[in-house]
């Protein structure tokens, strides 16, 4: 297996290069289960974050990141757009999304009680990796449906063409790869 190496603060991580299609490979970046990496990335994102009232991410890989950001800031509440409506939700807002790492259309759900708290508030959208921007678009739509104000959009990594976007803040660029593991230019 081939790897792509990234460094965050004093931490070095070797990301496996994974097949998406016959001609497109990506470096697998996973915060889940890596407390030290989540802590460091949260610290670095907080340092460049715009002012906000609440943070929102999509289930599941961004959860440890926004939890750590909230913990470091002493915040008691953040929001998660869920992949499935849960029985405890008081009602839902929903939007469809097709991500580069999933093979079908998914739906993201926001609890109506959370949406009520978002109304008129500055919401910072945070994700682990922004690639095609589809997950980001879905989160933006949920914020708009809830009556929130988008304070900014952030990610640990901007993959491929996402690194050229001027509407997102990110820590590092993440290239796309050819089947042989070489970086696409």
Protein backbone atom coordinates (compact mmCIF):
# COMPACT_ATOMS: atom_id res chain seq x y z
CA UNK A 1 0.00 0.00 0.00
CA UNK A 2 1.15 3.54 -0.73
CA UNK A 3 0.86 6.42 1.76
CA UNK A 4 0.77 10.20 1.79
CA UNK A 5 2.41 11.87 4.80
CA UNK A 6 1.03 14.97 6.55
CA UNK A 7 2.23 16.82 9.62
CA UNK A 8 0.05 18.72 12.12
CA UNK A 9 2.04 20.46 14.83
CA UNK A 10 4.37 17.78 16.17
CA UNK A 11 2.17 14.95 14.85
CA UNK A 12 2.96 13.03 11.68
CA UNK A 13 0.35 10.84 10.01
CA UNK A 14 0.75 8.46 7.06
CA UNK A 15 -2.53 8.37 5.13
CA UNK A 16 -3.26 5.27 3.02
CA UNK A 17 -3.94 6.00 -0.63
CA UNK A 18 -7.35 4.47 -1.43
CA UNK A 19 -9.21 3.74 -4.66
CA UNK A 20 -12.35 5.76 -5.43
CA UNK A 21 -12.59 4.90 -9.15
CA UNK A 22 -10.24 3.17 -11.59
CA UNK A 23 -8.55 6.51 -12.31
CA UNK A 24 -8.99 8.39 -9.00
CA UNK A 25 -7.40 7.66 -5.65
CA UNK A 26 -7.54 9.68 -2.44
CA UNK A 27 -5.58 9.71 0.81
CA UNK A 28 -7.71 8.33 3.63
CA UNK A 29 -7.84 10.89 6.44
CA UNK A 30 -9.67 9.65 9.54
CA UNK A 31 -9.88 11.55 12.82
CA UNK A 32 -12.08 8.95 14.50
CA UNK A 33 -10.05 7.09 17.09
CA UNK A 34 -7.12 9.52 16.94
CA UNK A 35 -7.57 11.79 19.97
CA UNK A 36 -4.18 13.51 19.60
CA UNK A 37 -4.85 14.40 15.96
CA UNK A 38 -8.37 15.64 16.74
CA UNK A 39 -6.96 17.81 19.53
CA UNK A 40 -4.22 19.32 17.36
CA UNK A 41 -6.48 19.95 14.35
CA UNK A 42 -9.13 21.55 16.58
CA UNK A 43 -6.50 23.87 18.08
CA UNK A 44 -5.26 24.91 14.64
CA UNK A 45 -8.79 25.50 13.29
CA UNK A 46 -9.79 27.56 16.32
CA UNK A 47 -6.79 29.82 15.67
CA UNK A 48 -8.15 30.78 12.22
CA UNK A 49 -11.91 30.53 12.85
CA UNK A 50 -14.19 33.51 12.28
CA UNK A 51 -16.55 34.57 15.07
CA UNK A 52 -19.47 32.20 15.50
CA UNK A 53 -22.19 31.19 17.94
CA UNK A 54 -22.37 27.45 17.21
CA UNK A 55 -20.52 24.81 15.20
CA UNK A 56 -22.21 22.34 12.83
CA UNK A 57 -20.76 19.22 11.21
CA UNK A 58 -22.08 16.16 9.41
CA UNK A 59 -22.11 12.71 10.93
CA UNK A 60 -19.67 11.00 11.39
CA UNK A 61 -16.01 11.85 10.76
CA UNK A 62 -16.28 15.51 11.80
CA UNK A 63 -17.82 14.73 15.19
CA UNK A 64 -14.59 14.25 17.14
CA UNK A 65 -13.22 17.44 15.57
CA UNK A 66 -16.14 19.71 16.52
CA UNK A 67 -16.42 18.07 19.92
CA UNK A 68 -12.77 18.90 20.56
CA UNK A 69 -13.18 22.45 19.22
CA UNK A 70 -16.14 23.01 21.55
CA UNK A 71 -14.26 21.48 24.49
CA UNK A 72 -11.21 23.67 23.92
CA UNK A 73 -13.43 26.77 23.69
CA UNK A 74 -15.52 25.86 26.75
CA UNK A 75 -18.68 25.66 24.64
CA UNK A 76 -21.53 23.49 25.84
CA UNK A 77 -23.38 22.98 22.54
CA UNK A 78 -22.61 22.08 18.94
CA UNK A 79 -24.75 20.53 16.22
CA UNK A 80 -24.53 17.30 14.22
CA UNK A 81 -26.42 16.75 10.97
CA UNK A 82 -27.37 13.09 11.27
CA UNK A 83 -27.44 10.50 8.47
CA UNK A 84 -30.73 9.10 9.76
CA UNK A 85 -33.68 10.67 11.53
CA UNK A 86 -33.73 9.44 15.13
CA UNK A 87 -36.80 8.70 17.25
CA UNK A 88 -35.79 11.34 19.81
CA UNK A 89 -35.77 14.14 17.22
CA UNK A 90 -38.61 16.61 17.70
CA UNK A 91 -39.02 17.03 13.97
CA UNK A 92 -36.53 17.23 11.16
CA UNK A 93 -35.09 19.40 8.44
CA UNK A 94 -33.43 17.34 5.72
CA UNK A 95 -31.34 17.65 2.57
CA UNK A 96 -29.84 15.12 0.15
CA UNK A 97 -26.10 14.86 -0.46
CA UNK A 98 -23.77 12.76 -2.63
CA UNK A 99 -20.22 12.63 -1.26
CA UNK A 100 -17.10 11.44 -3.08
CA UNK A 101 -16.62 8.71 -0.47
CA UNK A 102 -20.12 7.24 -0.66
CA UNK A 103 -21.64 5.27 -3.53
CA UNK A 104 -25.21 6.54 -3.20
CA UNK A 105 -27.21 9.62 -2.34
CA UNK A 106 -27.48 10.18 1.40
CA UNK A 107 -29.79 12.41 3.40
CA UNK A 108 -28.67 14.63 6.26
CA UNK A 109 -31.14 15.44 9.01
CA UNK A 110 -31.19 18.26 11.52
CA UNK A 111 -33.36 18.12 14.63
CA UNK A 112 -36.02 20.85 14.67
CA UNK A 113 -35.03 21.68 18.27
CA UNK A 114 -31.45 22.30 17.11
CA UNK A 115 -32.74 24.32 14.16
CA UNK A 116 -34.65 26.55 16.58
CA UNK A 117 -31.42 27.26 18.47
CA UNK A 118 -29.68 28.10 15.17
CA UNK A 119 -32.27 30.66 14.13
CA UNK A 120 -30.57 34.05 13.75
CA UNK A 121 -27.26 32.68 15.07
CA UNK A 122 -23.84 32.59 13.36
CA UNK A 123 -23.11 28.98 12.44
CA UNK A 124 -19.60 27.76 11.64
CA UNK A 125 -19.67 24.72 9.35
CA UNK A 126 -16.73 22.39 10.01
CA UNK A 127 -15.72 19.16 8.28
CA UNK A 128 -12.68 16.93 8.24
CA UNK A 129 -12.12 17.07 4.47
CA UNK A 130 -13.78 19.18 1.78
CA UNK A 131 -13.50 17.64 -1.67
CA UNK A 132 -16.40 18.06 -4.08
CA UNK A 133 -18.17 20.40 -1.67
CA UNK A 134 -21.38 18.38 -1.69
CA UNK A 135 -21.45 17.74 2.06
CA UNK A 136 -20.67 21.41 2.61
CA UNK A 137 -23.53 22.43 0.29
CA UNK A 138 -25.93 20.20 2.21
CA UNK A 139 -24.87 21.66 5.56
CA UNK A 140 -25.26 25.18 4.18
CA UNK A 141 -28.78 24.32 3.06
CA UNK A 142 -29.68 22.99 6.52
CA UNK A 143 -28.40 26.21 8.13
CA UNK A 144 -30.49 28.28 5.72
CA UNK A 145 -33.60 26.14 6.34
CA UNK A 146 -33.10 26.66 10.08
CA UNK A 147 -32.81 30.44 9.67
CA UNK A 148 -29.17 30.52 10.74
CA UNK A 149 -26.41 32.72 9.37
CA UNK A 150 -23.35 31.03 7.89
CA UNK A 151 -20.37 32.50 9.77
CA UNK A 152 -17.82 30.50 7.81
CA UNK A 153 -16.85 27.13 6.39
CA UNK A 154 -13.77 25.23 7.54
CA UNK A 155 -12.01 21.92 7.14
CA UNK A 156 -8.81 20.30 8.21
CA UNK A 157 -8.04 19.43 4.58
CA UNK A 158 -9.08 20.80 1.19
CA UNK A 159 -8.82 17.99 -1.33
CA UNK A 160 -8.10 18.51 -5.01
CA UNK A 161 -9.88 21.52 -6.51
CA UNK A 162 -11.43 22.46 -3.16
CA UNK A 163 -8.06 24.02 -2.28
CA UNK A 164 -8.77 26.69 -4.92
CA UNK A 165 -12.03 27.80 -3.29
CA UNK A 166 -11.97 31.19 -1.66
CA UNK A 167 -15.03 30.58 0.52
CA UNK A 168 -13.44 28.00 2.83
CA UNK A 169 -10.70 28.06 5.44
CA UNK A 170 -8.54 24.97 5.79
CA UNK A 171 -5.29 23.84 7.37
CA UNK A 172 -3.66 21.97 4.49
CA UNK A 173 -4.14 20.96 0.88
CA UNK A 174 -4.65 17.27 0.15
CA UNK A 175 -3.83 16.17 -3.39
CA UNK A 176 -5.67 13.61 -5.48
CA UNK A 177 -3.73 10.62 -6.74
CA UNK A 178 -3.27 8.48 -9.85
CA UNK A 179 -3.60 4.67 -9.52
CA UNK A 180 0.20 4.39 -9.21
CA UNK A 181 0.15 6.68 -6.14
CA UNK A 182 1.61 9.71 -7.91
CA UNK A 183 0.02 13.09 -7.25
CA UNK A 184 -2.39 14.50 -9.84
CA UNK A 185 -1.34 17.97 -10.92
